[in-house]
C-alpha atoms as a PDB file:
ATOM      1  CA  MET A   1     -19.142 -59.109 134.194  1.00  0.00           C
ATOM      2  CA  ASP A   2     -22.474 -58.449 135.869  1.00  0.00           C
ATOM      3  CA  ASP A   3     -25.370 -56.784 134.011  1.00  0.00           C
ATOM      4  CA  ARG A   4     -25.159 -53.520 135.949  1.00  0.00           C
ATOM      5  CA  THR A   5     -21.488 -53.072 135.115  1.00  0.00           C
ATOM      6  CA  ARG A   6     -22.119 -53.920 131.451  1.00  0.00           C
ATOM      7  CA  ILE A   7     -24.946 -51.362 131.265  1.00  0.00           C
ATOM      8  CA  GLU A   8     -22.777 -48.701 132.944  1.00  0.00           C
ATOM      9  CA  LEU A   9     -19.942 -49.361 130.482  1.00  0.00           C
ATOM     10  CA  GLU A  10     -22.334 -49.219 127.514  1.00  0.00           C
ATOM     11  CA  ALA A  11     -23.776 -45.950 128.810  1.00  0.00           C
ATOM     12  CA  ALA A  12     -20.268 -44.506 129.253  1.00  0.00           C
ATOM     13  CA  ALA A  13     -19.376 -45.505 125.682  1.00  0.00           C
ATOM     14  CA  PHE A  14     -22.555 -43.845 124.389  1.00  0.00           C
ATOM     15  CA  ARG A  15     -21.802 -40.636 126.298  1.00  0.00           C
ATOM     16  CA  THR A  16     -18.266 -40.622 124.874  1.00  0.00           C
ATOM     17  CA  LEU A  17     -19.586 -41.143 121.340  1.00  0.00           C
ATOM     18  CA  ARG A  18     -22.063 -38.296 121.789  1.00  0.00           C
ATOM     19  CA  GLU A  19     -19.364 -35.998 123.186  1.00  0.00           C
ATOM     20  CA  HIS A  20     -17.037 -36.873 120.314  1.00  0.00           C
ATOM     21  CA  LEU A  21     -19.686 -36.152 117.668  1.00  0.00           C
ATOM     22  CA  MET A  22     -21.100 -33.041 119.298  1.00  0.00           C
ATOM     23  CA  GLU A  23     -18.057 -31.364 120.831  1.00  0.00           C
ATOM     24  CA  LYS A  24     -14.934 -32.704 119.170  1.00  0.00           C
ATOM     25  CA  ARG A  25     -16.234 -33.240 115.620  1.00  0.00           C
ATOM     26  CA  PRO A  26     -19.240 -30.989 115.000  1.00  0.00           C
ATOM     27  CA  ASP A  27     -17.692 -30.354 111.578  1.00  0.00           C
ATOM     28  CA  VAL A  28     -18.582 -33.864 110.417  1.00  0.00           C
ATOM     29  CA  GLN A  29     -21.819 -33.586 108.466  1.00  0.00           C
ATOM     30  CA  ASN A  30     -24.729 -35.895 109.267  1.00  0.00           C
ATOM     31  CA  ILE A  31     -25.130 -36.685 105.568  1.00  0.00           C
ATOM     32  CA  ASP A  32     -21.500 -37.831 105.353  1.00  0.00           C
ATOM     33  CA  MET A  33     -21.941 -40.026 108.425  1.00  0.00           C
ATOM     34  CA  MET A  34     -25.082 -41.592 106.971  1.00  0.00           C
ATOM     35  CA  ASN A  35     -23.492 -42.135 103.574  1.00  0.00           C
ATOM     36  CA  LEU A  36     -20.394 -43.784 105.077  1.00  0.00           C
ATOM     37  CA  THR A  37     -21.749 -45.597 108.132  1.00  0.00           C
ATOM     38  CA  GLY A  38     -25.499 -45.961 107.693  1.00  0.00           C
ATOM     39  CA  PHE A  39     -26.260 -43.849 110.775  1.00  0.00           C
ATOM     40  CA  CYS A  40     -25.884 -40.271 111.962  1.00  0.00           C
ATOM     41  CA  ARG A  41     -26.616 -38.083 114.966  1.00  0.00           C
ATOM     42  CA  ASN A  42     -30.326 -38.127 114.110  1.00  0.00           C
ATOM     43  CA  CYS A  43     -30.279 -41.930 114.187  1.00  0.00           C
ATOM     44  CA  LEU A  44     -28.676 -41.860 117.630  1.00  0.00           C
ATOM     45  CA  SER A  45     -31.358 -39.493 118.890  1.00  0.00           C
ATOM     46  CA  ARG A  46     -34.049 -41.723 117.331  1.00  0.00           C
ATOM     47  CA  TRP A  47     -32.600 -44.793 119.037  1.00  0.00           C
ATOM     48  CA  TYR A  48     -32.681 -42.846 122.315  1.00  0.00           C
ATOM     49  CA  GLN A  49     -36.342 -41.981 121.695  1.00  0.00           C
ATOM     50  CA  GLU A  50     -37.193 -45.578 120.804  1.00  0.00           C
ATOM     51  CA  ALA A  51     -35.523 -46.842 123.994  1.00  0.00           C
ATOM     52  CA  ALA A  52     -37.491 -44.331 126.062  1.00  0.00           C
ATOM     53  CA  ASN A  53     -40.773 -45.199 124.336  1.00  0.00           C
ATOM     54  CA  ALA A  54     -40.105 -48.936 124.828  1.00  0.00           C
ATOM     55  CA  ARG A  55     -39.917 -48.249 128.559  1.00  0.00           C
ATOM     56  CA  GLY A  56     -43.182 -46.326 128.575  1.00  0.00           C
ATOM     57  CA  ILE A  57     -41.538 -42.892 128.609  1.00  0.00           C
ATOM     58  CA  GLU A  58     -43.330 -40.570 126.201  1.00  0.00           C
ATOM     59  CA  MET A  59     -40.798 -38.744 124.058  1.00  0.00           C
ATOM     60  CA  THR A  60     -41.178 -37.125 120.658  1.00  0.00           C
ATOM     61  CA  LYS A  61     -38.566 -37.045 117.914  1.00  0.00           C
ATOM     62  CA  ASP A  62     -37.977 -33.347 118.582  1.00  0.00           C
ATOM     63  CA  GLU A  63     -37.585 -33.921 122.330  1.00  0.00           C
ATOM     64  CA  ALA A  64     -35.061 -36.709 121.734  1.00  0.00           C
ATOM     65  CA  ARG A  65     -33.114 -34.574 119.289  1.00  0.00           C
ATOM     66  CA  GLU A  66     -32.976 -31.687 121.746  1.00  0.00           C
ATOM     67  CA  ILE A  67     -31.652 -34.039 124.439  1.00  0.00           C
ATOM     68  CA  PHE A  68     -29.025 -35.478 122.095  1.00  0.00           C
ATOM     69  CA  TYR A  69     -28.000 -32.213 120.420  1.00  0.00           C
ATOM     70  CA  GLY A  70     -28.225 -30.162 123.616  1.00  0.00           C
ATOM     71  CA  MET A  71     -30.329 -27.609 121.746  1.00  0.00           C
ATOM     72  CA  PRO A  72     -33.208 -27.554 119.269  1.00  0.00           C
ATOM     73  CA  TYR A  73     -32.183 -29.448 116.130  1.00  0.00           C
ATOM     74  CA  GLU A  74     -32.888 -26.429 113.909  1.00  0.00           C
ATOM     75  CA  ASP A  75     -30.334 -24.435 115.937  1.00  0.00           C
ATOM     76  CA  TRP A  76     -27.738 -27.192 115.471  1.00  0.00           C
ATOM     77  CA  LYS A  77     -28.402 -27.318 111.742  1.00  0.00           C
ATOM     78  CA  ALA A  78     -28.074 -23.554 111.415  1.00  0.00           C
ATOM     79  CA  GLY A  79     -24.745 -23.542 113.209  1.00  0.00           C
ATOM     80  CA  HIS A  80     -23.104 -26.723 111.945  1.00  0.00           C
ATOM     81  CA  GLN A  81     -24.681 -28.222 108.859  1.00  0.00           C
ATOM     82  CA  THR A  82     -23.894 -27.161 105.306  1.00  0.00           C
ATOM     83  CA  GLU A  83     -25.837 -27.630 102.085  1.00  0.00           C
ATOM     84  CA  ALA A  84     -25.212 -31.051 100.553  1.00  0.00           C
ATOM     85  CA  SER A  85     -24.410 -31.523  96.903  1.00  0.00           C
ATOM     86  CA  PRO A  86     -26.919 -33.326  94.670  1.00  0.00           C
ATOM     87  CA  GLU A  87     -24.528 -36.299  94.587  1.00  0.00           C
ATOM     88  CA  LYS A  88     -24.390 -36.528  98.388  1.00  0.00           C
ATOM     89  CA  GLN A  89     -28.180 -36.199  98.550  1.00  0.00           C
ATOM     90  CA  ALA A  90     -28.540 -39.111  96.110  1.00  0.00           C
ATOM     91  CA  GLU A  91     -26.111 -41.210  98.184  1.00  0.00           C
ATOM     92  CA  PHE A  92     -28.093 -40.254 101.286  1.00  0.00           C
ATOM     93  CA  ARG A  93     -31.390 -41.459  99.815  1.00  0.00           C
ATOM     94  CA  GLN A  94     -29.793 -44.823  99.081  1.00  0.00           C
ATOM     95  CA  ALA A  95     -28.093 -45.107 102.499  1.00  0.00           C
ATOM     96  CA  PHE A  96     -31.263 -44.032 104.285  1.00  0.00           C
ATOM     97  CA  ALA A  97     -33.382 -46.576 102.394  1.00  0.00           C
ATOM     98  CA  GLN A  98     -30.913 -49.356 103.193  1.00  0.00           C
ATOM     99  CA  ASN A  99     -30.510 -48.502 106.870  1.00  0.00           C
ATOM    100  CA  VAL A 100     -33.645 -46.730 108.029  1.00  0.00           C
ATOM    101  CA  GLY A 101     -36.529 -46.996 105.589  1.00  0.00           C
ATOM    102  CA  ASN A 102     -38.407 -44.648 103.282  1.00  0.00           C
ATOM    103  CA  PRO A 103     -35.946 -41.897 102.238  1.00  0.00           C
ATOM    104  CA  ASP A 104     -38.800 -39.515 101.483  1.00  0.00           C
ATOM    105  CA  LYS A 105     -39.687 -39.450 105.182  1.00  0.00           C
ATOM    106  CA  PRO A 106     -36.327 -39.036 106.959  1.00  0.00           C
ATOM    107  CA  GLY A 107     -36.347 -38.941 110.740  1.00  0.00           C
END
């Protein structure tokens, strides 16, 4: 397989993942994803931002989130995210520390 085809297939898989998470399963909470998988929608938007920045494209965290979520992140949260229990928040801090870094400064 040539590089262009590989990149196109990877991009198609990413678009399908985004569509699945945003349109087919918006009920799945970010905190549950992070606790179970070590990543969530915010991680995907951060990886998008990091890829843009690595190519010299200036993009903030909020801009990347708006691209990924299709709306300002605060609007997504208001419409789809629920309050997490103290137990889930504790699991999140551990998962975040293991997979991202300092849990007191979540992306």
